[in-house]
Amino acid sequence: SGFMSNALFWASSIKAEGVVRTATGDGRIPFIHPQDIADVAIEAL
Protein backbone atom coordinates (compact mmCIF):
# COMPACT_ATOMS: atom_id res chain seq x y z
CA SER A 1 0.00 0.00 0.00
CA GLY A 2 1.15 3.63 0.21
CA PHE A 3 4.57 4.10 1.81
CA MET A 4 4.75 5.78 5.21
CA SER A 5 7.72 7.68 3.81
CA ASN A 6 5.31 9.46 1.43
CA ALA A 7 4.41 11.57 4.47
CA LEU A 8 7.81 13.24 4.16
CA PHE A 9 6.23 15.33 1.38
CA TRP A 10 4.30 17.10 4.13
CA ALA A 11 7.48 18.23 5.89
CA SER A 12 7.72 21.73 4.40
CA SER A 13 4.12 22.72 5.20
CA ILE A 14 4.34 21.18 8.66
CA LYS A 15 7.53 23.07 9.47
CA ALA A 16 6.34 26.35 7.99
CA GLU A 17 2.66 26.36 8.93
CA GLY A 18 1.85 23.34 11.08
CA VAL A 19 -0.58 22.06 8.45
CA VAL A 20 -1.12 19.10 6.12
CA ARG A 21 -3.22 19.85 3.04
CA THR A 22 -5.03 16.96 1.41
CA ALA A 23 -7.78 16.08 -1.04
CA THR A 24 -8.45 12.71 0.62
CA GLY A 25 -11.23 13.89 2.95
CA ASP A 26 -11.90 11.49 5.81
CA GLY A 27 -10.80 8.48 3.76
CA ARG A 28 -8.27 6.10 5.23
CA ILE A 29 -5.31 4.13 3.94
CA PRO A 30 -3.02 1.64 5.74
CA PHE A 31 0.39 3.12 4.91
CA ILE A 32 3.25 0.61 5.29
CA HIS A 33 6.76 1.10 6.66
CA PRO A 34 9.55 0.78 4.03
CA GLN A 35 11.35 -1.69 6.30
CA ASP A 36 8.37 -4.05 6.13
CA ILE A 37 8.33 -3.81 2.34
CA ALA A 38 12.05 -4.65 2.19
CA ASP A 39 11.71 -7.57 4.60
CA VAL A 40 8.85 -9.07 2.58
CA ALA A 41 10.83 -8.54 -0.64
CA ILE A 42 13.74 -10.47 0.88
CA GLU A 43 11.42 -13.39 1.65
CA ALA A 44 10.07 -13.28 -1.90
CA LEU A 45 13.60 -13.28 -3.31
PDB file of all heavy atoms in Angstrom:
ATOM      1  N   SER A   1       0.859  -1.181   0.000  1.00  0.00           N
ATOM      2  CA  SER A   1       0.000   0.000   0.000  1.00  0.00           C
ATOM      3  C   SER A   1       0.897   1.235   0.000  1.00  0.00           C
ATOM      4  O   SER A   1       2.114   1.131  -0.179  1.00  0.00           O
ATOM      5  CB  SER A   1      -0.910  -0.011   1.227  1.00  0.00           C
ATOM      6  OG  SER A   1      -0.143  -0.062   2.418  1.00  0.00           O
ATOM      7  N   GLY A   2       0.339   2.413   0.206  1.00  0.00           N
ATOM      8  CA  GLY A   2       1.150   3.629   0.213  1.00  0.00           C
ATOM      9  C   GLY A   2       2.266   3.559   1.245  1.00  0.00           C
ATOM     10  O   GLY A   2       2.094   2.997   2.336  1.00  0.00           O
ATOM     11  N   PHE A   3       3.412   4.108   0.907  1.00  0.00           N
ATOM     12  CA  PHE A   3       4.571   4.098   1.805  1.00  0.00           C
ATOM     13  C   PHE A   3       4.394   5.146   2.905  1.00  0.00           C
ATOM     14  O   PHE A   3       4.003   6.283   2.629  1.00  0.00           O
ATOM     15  CB  PHE A   3       5.849   4.434   1.052  1.00  0.00           C
ATOM     16  CG  PHE A   3       6.270   3.438   0.002  1.00  0.00           C
ATOM     17  CD1 PHE A   3       5.432   2.423  -0.416  1.00  0.00           C
ATOM     18  CD2 PHE A   3       7.516   3.544  -0.587  1.00  0.00           C
ATOM     19  CE1 PHE A   3       5.816   1.515  -1.389  1.00  0.00           C
ATOM     20  CE2 PHE A   3       7.926   2.644  -1.564  1.00  0.00           C
ATOM     21  CZ  PHE A   3       7.076   1.626  -1.969  1.00  0.00           C
ATOM     22  N   MET A   4       4.738   4.783   4.140  1.00  0.00           N
ATOM     23  CA  MET A   4       4.754   5.778   5.206  1.00  0.00           C
ATOM     24  C   MET A   4       5.692   6.930   4.870  1.00  0.00           C
ATOM     25  O   MET A   4       5.426   8.079   5.220  1.00  0.00           O
ATOM     26  CB  MET A   4       5.153   5.129   6.533  1.00  0.00           C
ATOM     27  CG  MET A   4       4.113   4.182   7.094  1.00  0.00           C
ATOM     28  SD  MET A   4       4.627   3.448   8.674  1.00  0.00           S
ATOM     29  CE  MET A   4       3.240   2.340   8.979  1.00  0.00           C
ATOM     30  N   SER A   5       6.754   6.638   4.167  1.00  0.00           N
ATOM     31  CA  SER A   5       7.723   7.678   3.814  1.00  0.00           C
ATOM     32  C   SER A   5       7.135   8.718   2.860  1.00  0.00           C
ATOM     33  O   SER A   5       7.707   9.809   2.704  1.00  0.00           O
ATOM     34  CB  SER A   5       8.982   7.053   3.201  1.00  0.00           C
ATOM     35  OG  SER A   5       8.645   6.146   2.170  1.00  0.00           O
ATOM     36  N   ASN A   6       5.978   8.434   2.244  1.00  0.00           N
ATOM     37  CA  ASN A   6       5.312   9.455   1.430  1.00  0.00           C
ATOM     38  C   ASN A   6       4.942  10.673   2.274  1.00  0.00           C
ATOM     39  O   ASN A   6       4.815  11.790   1.759  1.00  0.00           O
ATOM     40  CB  ASN A   6       4.039   8.893   0.792  1.00  0.00           C
ATOM     41  CG  ASN A   6       4.324   7.893  -0.315  1.00  0.00           C
ATOM     42  OD1 ASN A   6       5.457   7.753  -0.755  1.00  0.00           O
ATOM     43  ND2 ASN A   6       3.302   7.186  -0.742  1.00  0.00           N
ATOM     44  N   ALA A   7       4.767  10.472   3.573  1.00  0.00           N
ATOM     45  CA  ALA A   7       4.412  11.572   4.466  1.00  0.00           C
ATOM     46  C   ALA A   7       5.520  12.609   4.581  1.00  0.00           C
ATOM     47  O   ALA A   7       5.287  13.724   5.050  1.00  0.00           O
ATOM     48  CB  ALA A   7       4.054  11.042   5.855  1.00  0.00           C
ATOM     49  N   LEU A   8       6.715  12.262   4.141  1.00  0.00           N
ATOM     50  CA  LEU A   8       7.813  13.241   4.157  1.00  0.00           C
ATOM     51  C   LEU A   8       7.509  14.420   3.234  1.00  0.00           C
ATOM     52  O   LEU A   8       8.078  15.504   3.411  1.00  0.00           O
ATOM     53  CB  LEU A   8       9.130  12.573   3.760  1.00  0.00           C
ATOM     54  CG  LEU A   8       9.689  11.560   4.768  1.00  0.00           C
ATOM     55  CD1 LEU A   8      10.876  10.813   4.175  1.00  0.00           C
ATOM     56  CD2 LEU A   8      10.100  12.252   6.069  1.00  0.00           C
ATOM     57  N   PHE A   9       6.620  14.226   2.263  1.00  0.00           N
ATOM     58  CA  PHE A   9       6.232  15.331   1.379  1.00  0.00           C
ATOM     59  C   PHE A   9       5.483  16.418   2.141  1.00  0.00           C
ATOM     60  O   PHE A   9       5.326  17.526   1.643  1.00  0.00           O
ATOM     61  CB  PHE A   9       5.387  14.816   0.218  1.00  0.00           C
ATOM     62  CG  PHE A   9       6.154  14.022  -0.803  1.00  0.00           C
ATOM     63  CD1 PHE A   9       6.012  12.654  -0.893  1.00  0.00           C
ATOM     64  CD2 PHE A   9       7.040  14.642  -1.666  1.00  0.00           C
ATOM     65  CE1 PHE A   9       6.731  11.910  -1.826  1.00  0.00           C
ATOM     66  CE2 PHE A   9       7.765  13.925  -2.604  1.00  0.00           C
ATOM     67  CZ  PHE A   9       7.607  12.549  -2.688  1.00  0.00           C
ATOM     68  N   TRP A  10       5.003  16.107   3.336  1.00  0.00           N
ATOM     69  CA  TRP A  10       4.297  17.096   4.131  1.00  0.00           C
ATOM     70  C   TRP A  10       5.251  17.942   4.973  1.00  0.00           C
ATOM     71  O   TRP A  10       4.812  18.877   5.644  1.00  0.00           O
ATOM     72  CB  TRP A  10       3.307  16.410   5.084  1.00  0.00           C
ATOM     73  CG  TRP A  10       2.387  15.431   4.439  1.00  0.00           C
ATOM     74  CD1 TRP A  10       2.019  15.378   3.127  1.00  0.00           C
ATOM     75  CD2 TRP A  10       1.712  14.350   5.094  1.00  0.00           C
ATOM     76  NE1 TRP A  10       1.162  14.322   2.910  1.00  0.00           N
ATOM     77  CE2 TRP A  10       0.946  13.676   4.094  1.00  0.00           C
ATOM     78  CE3 TRP A  10       1.662  13.882   6.402  1.00  0.00           C
ATOM     79  CZ2 TRP A  10       0.163  12.563   4.395  1.00  0.00           C
ATOM     80  CZ3 TRP A  10       0.870  12.775   6.694  1.00  0.00           C
ATOM     81  CH2 TRP A  10       0.134  12.131   5.705  1.00  0.00           C
ATOM     82  N   ALA A  11       6.539  17.616   4.952  1.00  0.00           N
ATOM     83  CA  ALA A  11       7.484  18.234   5.889  1.00  0.00           C
ATOM     84  C   ALA A  11       7.526  19.757   5.771  1.00  0.00           C
ATOM     85  O   ALA A  11       7.530  20.465   6.785  1.00  0.00           O
ATOM     86  CB  ALA A  11       8.878  17.647   5.696  1.00  0.00           C
ATOM     87  N   SER A  12       7.554  20.275   4.548  1.00  0.00           N
ATOM     88  CA  SER A  12       7.717  21.728   4.397  1.00  0.00           C
ATOM     89  C   SER A  12       6.520  22.481   4.958  1.00  0.00           C
ATOM     90  O   SER A  12       6.684  23.488   5.660  1.00  0.00           O
ATOM     91  CB  SER A  12       7.942  22.087   2.921  1.00  0.00           C
ATOM     92  OG  SER A  12       6.842  21.662   2.128  1.00  0.00           O
ATOM     93  N   SER A  13       5.292  22.008   4.686  1.00  0.00           N
ATOM     94  CA  SER A  13       4.116  22.717   5.197  1.00  0.00           C
ATOM     95  C   SER A  13       3.957  22.528   6.704  1.00  0.00           C
ATOM     96  O   SER A  13       3.456  23.420   7.398  1.00  0.00           O
ATOM     97  CB  SER A  13       2.848  22.257   4.467  1.00  0.00           C
ATOM     98  OG  SER A  13       2.564  20.904   4.729  1.00  0.00           O
ATOM     99  N   ILE A  14       4.395  21.400   7.213  1.00  0.00           N
ATOM    100  CA  ILE A  14       4.339  21.179   8.665  1.00  0.00           C
ATOM    101  C   ILE A  14       5.319  22.111   9.365  1.00  0.00           C
ATOM    102  O   ILE A  14       4.987  22.763  10.361  1.00  0.00           O
ATOM    103  CB  ILE A  14       4.622  19.708   9.009  1.00  0.00           C
ATOM    104  CG1 ILE A  14       3.412  18.843   8.646  1.00  0.00           C
ATOM    105  CG2 ILE A  14       4.961  19.552  10.493  1.00  0.00           C
ATOM    106  CD1 ILE A  14       3.628  17.354   8.861  1.00  0.00           C
ATOM    107  N   LYS A  15       6.527  22.203   8.840  1.00  0.00           N
ATOM    108  CA  LYS A  15       7.534  23.066   9.468  1.00  0.00           C
ATOM    109  C   LYS A  15       7.156  24.539   9.366  1.00  0.00           C
ATOM    110  O   LYS A  15       7.346  25.315  10.312  1.00  0.00           O
ATOM    111  CB  LYS A  15       8.913  22.814   8.827  1.00  0.00           C
ATOM    112  CG  LYS A  15       9.540  21.494   9.245  1.00  0.00           C
ATOM    113  CD  LYS A  15      10.984  21.373   8.805  1.00  0.00           C
ATOM    114  CE  LYS A  15      11.120  21.151   7.326  1.00  0.00           C
ATOM    115  NZ  LYS A  15      12.526  20.822   6.935  1.00  0.00           N
ATOM    116  N   ALA A  16       6.624  24.935   8.216  1.00  0.00           N
ATOM    117  CA  ALA A  16       6.336  26.350   7.993  1.00  0.00           C
ATOM    118  C   ALA A  16       5.026  26.802   8.606  1.00  0.00           C
ATOM    119  O   ALA A  16       4.929  27.926   9.123  1.00  0.00           O
ATOM    120  CB  ALA A  16       6.333  26.639   6.484  1.00  0.00           C
ATOM    121  N   GLU A  17       4.005  25.921   8.556  1.00  0.00           N
ATOM    122  CA  GLU A  17       2.662  26.364   8.935  1.00  0.00           C
ATOM    123  C   GLU A  17       1.954  25.447   9.928  1.00  0.00           C
ATOM    124  O   GLU A  17       0.861  25.774  10.392  1.00  0.00           O
ATOM    125  CB  GLU A  17       1.786  26.472   7.682  1.00  0.00           C
ATOM    126  CG  GLU A  17       2.345  27.356   6.585  1.00  0.00           C
ATOM    127  CD  GLU A  17       1.540  27.226   5.309  1.00  0.00           C
ATOM    128  OE1 GLU A  17       0.421  27.768   5.275  1.00  0.00           O
ATOM    129  OE2 GLU A  17       2.009  26.553   4.370  1.00  0.00           O
ATOM    130  N   GLY A  18       2.533  24.280  10.207  1.00  0.00           N
ATOM    131  CA  GLY A  18       1.851  23.337  11.081  1.00  0.00           C
ATOM    132  C   GLY A  18       0.589  22.774  10.471  1.00  0.00           C
ATOM    133  O   GLY A  18      -0.404  22.548  11.157  1.00  0.00           O
ATOM    134  N   VAL A  19       0.624  22.503   9.140  1.00  0.00           N
ATOM    135  CA  VAL A  19      -0.577  22.058   8.447  1.00  0.00           C
ATOM    136  C   VAL A  19      -0.239  20.986   7.416  1.00  0.00           C
ATOM    137  O   VAL A  19       0.848  20.992   6.826  1.00  0.00           O
ATOM    138  CB  VAL A  19      -1.287  23.255   7.757  1.00  0.00           C
ATOM    139  CG1 VAL A  19      -0.421  23.835   6.648  1.00  0.00           C
ATOM    140  CG2 VAL A  19      -2.648  22.845   7.221  1.00  0.00           C
ATOM    141  N   VAL A  20      -1.176  20.063   7.213  1.00  0.00           N
ATOM    142  CA  VAL A  20      -1.123  19.098   6.123  1.00  0.00           C
ATOM    143  C   VAL A  20      -2.341  19.333   5.253  1.00  0.00           C
ATOM    144  O   VAL A  20      -3.482  19.320   5.745  1.00  0.00           O
ATOM    145  CB  VAL A  20      -1.136  17.641   6.651  1.00  0.00           C
ATOM    146  CG1 VAL A  20      -1.366  16.652   5.508  1.00  0.00           C
ATOM    147  CG2 VAL A  20       0.175  17.325   7.361  1.00  0.00           C
ATOM    148  N   ARG A  21      -2.120  19.587   3.972  1.00  0.00           N
ATOM    149  CA  ARG A  21      -3.224  19.848   3.043  1.00  0.00           C
ATOM    150  C   ARG A  21      -3.463  18.605   2.194  1.00  0.00           C
ATOM    151  O   ARG A  21      -2.524  18.030   1.640  1.00  0.00           O
ATOM    152  CB  ARG A  21      -2.900  21.054   2.165  1.00  0.00           C
ATOM    153  CG  ARG A  21      -2.774  22.347   2.954  1.00  0.00           C
ATOM    154  CD  ARG A  21      -2.514  23.545   2.063  1.00  0.00           C
ATOM    155  NE  ARG A  21      -2.502  24.774   2.838  1.00  0.00           N
ATOM    156  CZ  ARG A  21      -1.397  25.271   3.420  1.00  0.00           C
ATOM    157  NH1 ARG A  21      -0.234  24.631   3.283  1.00  0.00           N
ATOM    158  NH2 ARG A  21      -1.466  26.391   4.125  1.00  0.00           N
ATOM    159  N   THR A  22      -4.726  18.222   2.086  1.00  0.00           N
ATOM    160  CA  THR A  22      -5.030  16.964   1.411  1.00  0.00           C
ATOM    161  C   THR A  22      -6.386  16.999   0.739  1.00  0.00           C
ATOM    162  O   THR A  22      -7.298  17.696   1.190  1.00  0.00           O
ATOM    163  CB  THR A  22      -5.000  15.800   2.420  1.00  0.00           C
ATOM    164  OG1 THR A  22      -5.462  14.604   1.788  1.00  0.00           O
ATOM    165  CG2 THR A  22      -5.878  16.089   3.619  1.00  0.00           C
ATOM    166  N   ALA A  23      -6.503  16.221  -0.347  1.00  0.00           N
ATOM    167  CA  ALA A  23      -7.784  16.077  -1.045  1.00  0.00           C
ATOM    168  C   ALA A  23      -8.396  14.705  -0.775  1.00  0.00           C
ATOM    169  O   ALA A  23      -9.225  14.230  -1.548  1.00  0.00           O
ATOM    170  CB  ALA A  23      -7.569  16.270  -2.545  1.00  0.00           C
ATOM    171  N   THR A  24      -7.982  14.062   0.319  1.00  0.00           N
ATOM    172  CA  THR A  24      -8.447  12.713   0.620  1.00  0.00           C
ATOM    173  C   THR A  24      -9.631  12.681   1.584  1.00  0.00           C
ATOM    174  O   THR A  24     -10.129  11.608   1.923  1.00  0.00           O
ATOM    175  CB  THR A  24      -7.307  11.874   1.220  1.00  0.00           C
ATOM    176  OG1 THR A  24      -6.778  12.556   2.367  1.00  0.00           O
ATOM    177  CG2 THR A  24      -6.198  11.667   0.207  1.00  0.00           C
ATOM    178  N   GLY A  25     -10.088  13.836   2.044  1.00  0.00           N
ATOM    179  CA  GLY A  25     -11.235  13.889   2.946  1.00  0.00           C
ATOM    180  C   GLY A  25     -10.989  13.090   4.212  1.00  0.00           C
ATOM    181  O   GLY A  25      -9.901  13.129   4.792  1.00  0.00           O
ATOM    182  N   ASP A  26     -12.017  12.330   4.628  1.00  0.00           N
ATOM    183  CA  ASP A  26     -11.901  11.491   5.814  1.00  0.00           C
ATOM    184  C   ASP A  26     -11.513  10.056   5.464  1.00  0.00           C
ATOM    185  O   ASP A  26     -11.526   9.174   6.320  1.00  0.00           O
ATOM    186  CB  ASP A  26     -13.224  11.476   6.586  1.00  0.00           C
ATOM    187  CG  ASP A  26     -13.579  12.843   7.156  1.00  0.00           C
ATOM    188  OD1 ASP A  26     -12.652  13.576   7.554  1.00  0.00           O
ATOM    189  OD2 ASP A  26     -14.780  13.182   7.194  1.00  0.00           O
ATOM    190  N   GLY A  27     -11.171   9.825   4.185  1.00  0.00           N
ATOM    191  CA  GLY A  27     -10.801   8.483   3.759  1.00  0.00           C
ATOM    192  C   GLY A  27      -9.533   8.000   4.427  1.00  0.00           C
ATOM    193  O   GLY A  27      -8.678   8.794   4.832  1.00  0.00           O
ATOM    194  N   ARG A  28      -9.414   6.695   4.526  1.00  0.00           N
ATOM    195  CA  ARG A  28      -8.273   6.105   5.232  1.00  0.00           C
ATOM    196  C   ARG A  28      -7.474   5.179   4.316  1.00  0.00           C
ATOM    197  O   ARG A  28      -8.003   4.619   3.363  1.00  0.00           O
ATOM    198  CB  ARG A  28      -8.761   5.324   6.454  1.00  0.00           C
ATOM    199  CG  ARG A  28      -9.541   6.179   7.442  1.00  0.00           C
ATOM    200  CD  ARG A  28      -9.889   5.395   8.685  1.00  0.00           C
ATOM    201  NE  ARG A  28     -10.635   6.218   9.638  1.00  0.00           N
ATOM    202  CZ  ARG A  28     -10.786   5.920  10.916  1.00  0.00           C
ATOM    203  NH1 ARG A  28     -10.237   4.810  11.411  1.00  0.00           N
ATOM    204  NH2 ARG A  28     -11.473   6.725  11.717  1.00  0.00           N
ATOM    205  N   ILE A  29      -6.193   5.030   4.669  1.00  0.00           N
ATOM    206  CA  ILE A  29      -5.309   4.127   3.943  1.00  0.00           C
ATOM    207  C   ILE A  29      -4.296   3.544   4.931  1.00  0.00           C
ATOM    208  O   ILE A  29      -3.807   4.265   5.805  1.00  0.00           O
ATOM    209  CB  ILE A  29      -4.588   4.854   2.783  1.00  0.00           C
ATOM    210  CG1 ILE A  29      -3.733   3.872   1.971  1.00  0.00           C
ATOM    211  CG2 ILE A  29      -3.763   6.034   3.275  1.00  0.00           C
ATOM    212  CD1 ILE A  29      -3.188   4.461   0.674  1.00  0.00           C
ATOM    213  N   PRO A  30      -3.979   2.257   4.822  1.00  0.00           N
ATOM    214  CA  PRO A  30      -3.016   1.643   5.737  1.00  0.00           C
ATOM    215  C   PRO A  30      -1.578   1.746   5.217  1.00  0.00           C
ATOM    216  O   PRO A  30      -1.006   0.775   4.712  1.00  0.00           O
ATOM    217  CB  PRO A  30      -3.485   0.184   5.818  1.00  0.00           C
ATOM    218  CG  PRO A  30      -4.086  -0.071   4.469  1.00  0.00           C
ATOM    219  CD  PRO A  30      -4.669   1.238   4.005  1.00  0.00           C
ATOM    220  N   PHE A  31      -1.001   2.934   5.329  1.00  0.00           N
ATOM    221  CA  PHE A  31       0.391   3.117   4.906  1.00  0.00           C
ATOM    222  C   PHE A  31       1.287   2.048   5.550  1.00  0.00           C
ATOM    223  O   PHE A  31       1.052   1.634   6.687  1.00  0.00           O
ATOM    224  CB  PHE A  31       0.883   4.498   5.317  1.00  0.00           C
ATOM    225  CG  PHE A  31       0.563   5.608   4.347  1.00  0.00           C
ATOM    226  CD1 PHE A  31       0.945   6.917   4.627  1.00  0.00           C
ATOM    227  CD2 PHE A  31      -0.102   5.362   3.167  1.00  0.00           C
ATOM    228  CE1 PHE A  31       0.671   7.954   3.745  1.00  0.00           C
ATOM    229  CE2 PHE A  31      -0.383   6.384   2.275  1.00  0.00           C
ATOM    230  CZ  PHE A  31       0.004   7.687   2.570  1.00  0.00           C
ATOM    231  N   ILE A  32       2.335   1.651   4.827  1.00  0.00           N
ATOM    232  CA  ILE A  32       3.248   0.611   5.285  1.00  0.00           C
ATOM    233  C   ILE A  32       4.663   1.153   5.404  1.00  0.00           C
ATOM    234  O   ILE A  32       5.101   1.995   4.611  1.00  0.00           O
ATOM    235  CB  ILE A  32       3.197  -0.615   4.341  1.00  0.00           C
ATOM    236  CG1 ILE A  32       4.071  -1.756   4.874  1.00  0.00           C
ATOM    237  CG2 ILE A  32       3.592  -0.236   2.919  1.00  0.00           C
ATOM    238  CD1 ILE A  32       3.865  -3.066   4.122  1.00  0.00           C
ATOM    239  N   HIS A  33       5.389   0.670   6.408  1.00  0.00           N
ATOM    240  CA  HIS A  33       6.761   1.103   6.657  1.00  0.00           C
ATOM    241  C   HIS A  33       7.686   0.517   5.583  1.00  0.00           C
ATOM    242  O   HIS A  33       7.576  -0.670   5.248  1.00  0.00           O
ATOM    243  CB  HIS A  33       7.204   0.614   8.034  1.00  0.00           C
ATOM    244  CG  HIS A  33       8.390   1.331   8.594  1.00  0.00           C
ATOM    245  ND1 HIS A  33       9.638   1.272   8.015  1.00  0.00           N
ATOM    246  CD2 HIS A  33       8.526   2.111   9.702  1.00  0.00           C
ATOM    247  CE1 HIS A  33      10.492   1.992   8.726  1.00  0.00           C
ATOM    248  NE2 HIS A  33       9.847   2.514   9.756  1.00  0.00           N
ATOM    249  N   PRO A  34       8.617   1.304   5.028  1.00  0.00           N
ATOM    250  CA  PRO A  34       9.550   0.779   4.030  1.00  0.00           C
ATOM    251  C   PRO A  34      10.329  -0.451   4.506  1.00  0.00           C
ATOM    252  O   PRO A  34      10.652  -1.339   3.701  1.00  0.00           O
ATOM    253  CB  PRO A  34      10.488   1.964   3.767  1.00  0.00           C
ATOM    254  CG  PRO A  34       9.638   3.164   4.017  1.00  0.00           C
ATOM    255  CD  PRO A  34       8.757   2.775   5.183  1.00  0.00           C
ATOM    256  N   GLN A  35      10.626  -0.526   5.797  1.00  0.00           N
ATOM    257  CA  GLN A  35      11.352  -1.690   6.298  1.00  0.00           C
ATOM    258  C   GLN A  35      10.535  -2.970   6.126  1.00  0.00           C
ATOM    259  O   GLN A  35      11.085  -4.037   5.829  1.00  0.00           O
ATOM    260  CB  GLN A  35      11.717  -1.487   7.767  1.00  0.00           C
ATOM    261  CG  GLN A  35      12.780  -0.439   8.005  1.00  0.00           C
ATOM    262  CD  GLN A  35      13.168  -0.338   9.470  1.00  0.00           C
ATOM    263  OE1 GLN A  35      12.982  -1.260  10.248  1.00  0.00           O
ATOM    264  NE2 GLN A  35      13.704   0.809   9.854  1.00  0.00           N
ATOM    265  N   ASP A  36       9.222  -2.870   6.322  1.00  0.00           N
ATOM    266  CA  ASP A  36       8.371  -4.045   6.133  1.00  0.00           C
ATOM    267  C   ASP A  36       8.343  -4.466   4.670  1.00  0.00           C
ATOM    268  O   ASP A  36       8.343  -5.660   4.354  1.00  0.00           O
ATOM    269  CB  ASP A  36       6.952  -3.754   6.622  1.00  0.00           C
ATOM    270  CG  ASP A  36       6.843  -3.719   8.138  1.00  0.00           C
ATOM    271  OD1 ASP A  36       7.706  -4.314   8.811  1.00  0.00           O
ATOM    272  OD2 ASP A  36       5.899  -3.087   8.654  1.00  0.00           O
ATOM    273  N   ILE A  37       8.312  -3.494   3.776  1.00  0.00           N
ATOM    274  CA  ILE A  37       8.335  -3.814   2.342  1.00  0.00           C
ATOM    275  C   ILE A  37       9.622  -4.553   1.996  1.00  0.00           C
ATOM    276  O   ILE A  37       9.612  -5.584   1.313  1.00  0.00           O
ATOM    277  CB  ILE A  37       8.205  -2.543   1.490  1.00  0.00           C
ATOM    278  CG1 ILE A  37       6.911  -1.796   1.817  1.00  0.00           C
ATOM    279  CG2 ILE A  37       8.246  -2.895   0.001  1.00  0.00           C
ATOM    280  CD1 ILE A  37       6.812  -0.424   1.170  1.00  0.00           C
ATOM    281  N   ALA A  38      10.746  -4.032   2.478  1.00  0.00           N
ATOM    282  CA  ALA A  38      12.045  -4.648   2.186  1.00  0.00           C
ATOM    283  C   ALA A  38      12.133  -6.055   2.764  1.00  0.00           C
ATOM    284  O   ALA A  38      12.648  -6.979   2.118  1.00  0.00           O
ATOM    285  CB  ALA A  38      13.169  -3.777   2.728  1.00  0.00           C
ATOM    286  N   ASP A  39      11.630  -6.242   3.976  1.00  0.00           N
ATOM    287  CA  ASP A  39      11.705  -7.566   4.602  1.00  0.00           C
ATOM    288  C   ASP A  39      10.858  -8.585   3.845  1.00  0.00           C
ATOM    289  O   ASP A  39      11.270  -9.739   3.669  1.00  0.00           O
ATOM    290  CB  ASP A  39      11.246  -7.477   6.060  1.00  0.00           C
ATOM    291  CG  ASP A  39      12.277  -6.811   6.960  1.00  0.00           C
ATOM    292  OD1 ASP A  39      13.450  -6.703   6.551  1.00  0.00           O
ATOM    293  OD2 ASP A  39      11.904  -6.381   8.071  1.00  0.00           O
ATOM    294  N   VAL A  40       9.690  -8.171   3.378  1.00  0.00           N
ATOM    295  CA  VAL A  40       8.853  -9.072   2.579  1.00  0.00           C
ATOM    296  C   VAL A  40       9.520  -9.350   1.233  1.00  0.00           C
ATOM    297  O   VAL A  40       9.497 -10.490   0.733  1.00  0.00           O
ATOM    298  CB  VAL A  40       7.444  -8.493   2.385  1.00  0.00           C
ATOM    299  CG1 VAL A  40       6.639  -9.324   1.382  1.00  0.00           C
ATOM    300  CG2 VAL A  40       6.712  -8.443   3.722  1.00  0.00           C
ATOM    301  N   ALA A  41      10.123  -8.338   0.634  1.00  0.00           N
ATOM    302  CA  ALA A  41      10.826  -8.535  -0.645  1.00  0.00           C
ATOM    303  C   ALA A  41      11.956  -9.545  -0.498  1.00  0.00           C
ATOM    304  O   ALA A  41      12.186 -10.366  -1.399  1.00  0.00           O
ATOM    305  CB  ALA A  41      11.359  -7.206  -1.160  1.00  0.00           C
ATOM    306  N   ILE A  42      12.665  -9.492   0.624  1.00  0.00           N
ATOM    307  CA  ILE A  42      13.736 -10.465   0.876  1.00  0.00           C
ATOM    308  C   ILE A  42      13.163 -11.881   0.904  1.00  0.00           C
ATOM    309  O   ILE A  42      13.731 -12.817   0.325  1.00  0.00           O
ATOM    310  CB  ILE A  42      14.460 -10.152   2.205  1.00  0.00           C
ATOM    311  CG1 ILE A  42      15.366  -8.929   2.043  1.00  0.00           C
ATOM    312  CG2 ILE A  42      15.268 -11.358   2.685  1.00  0.00           C
ATOM    313  CD1 ILE A  42      16.605  -9.184   1.202  1.00  0.00           C
ATOM    314  N   GLU A  43      12.050 -12.063   1.596  1.00  0.00           N
ATOM    315  CA  GLU A  43      11.423 -13.385   1.647  1.00  0.00           C
ATOM    316  C   GLU A  43      11.014 -13.843   0.249  1.00  0.00           C
ATOM    317  O   GLU A  43      11.188 -15.020  -0.106  1.00  0.00           O
ATOM    318  CB  GLU A  43      10.204 -13.358   2.571  1.00  0.00           C
ATOM    319  CG  GLU A  43      10.536 -13.174   4.036  1.00  0.00           C
ATOM    320  CD  GLU A  43      11.378 -14.307   4.584  1.00  0.00           C
ATOM    321  OE1 GLU A  43      11.084 -15.485   4.270  1.00  0.00           O
ATOM    322  OE2 GLU A  43      12.349 -14.026   5.327  1.00  0.00           O
ATOM    323  N   ALA A  44      10.483 -12.926  -0.543  1.00  0.00           N
ATOM    324  CA  ALA A  44      10.066 -13.282  -1.900  1.00  0.00           C
ATOM    325  C   ALA A  44      11.258 -13.653  -2.771  1.00  0.00           C
ATOM    326  O   ALA A  44      11.154 -14.531  -3.637  1.00  0.00           O
ATOM    327  CB  ALA A  44       9.304 -12.118  -2.525  1.00  0.00           C
ATOM    328  N   LEU A  45      12.395 -12.997  -2.541  1.00  0.00           N
ATOM    329  CA  LEU A  45      13.604 -13.285  -3.315  1.00  0.00           C
ATOM    330  C   LEU A  45      14.249 -14.611  -2.934  1.00  0.00           C
ATOM    331  O   LEU A  45      14.768 -15.340  -3.782  1.00  0.00           O
ATOM    332  CB  LEU A  45      14.633 -12.169  -3.114  1.00  0.00           C
ATOM    333  CG  LEU A  45      14.563 -10.927  -3.990  1.00  0.00           C
ATOM    334  CD1 LEU A  45      15.529  -9.869  -3.470  1.00  0.00           C
ATOM    335  CD2 LEU A  45      14.882 -11.257  -5.446  1.00  0.00           C
TER     336      LEU A  45
END
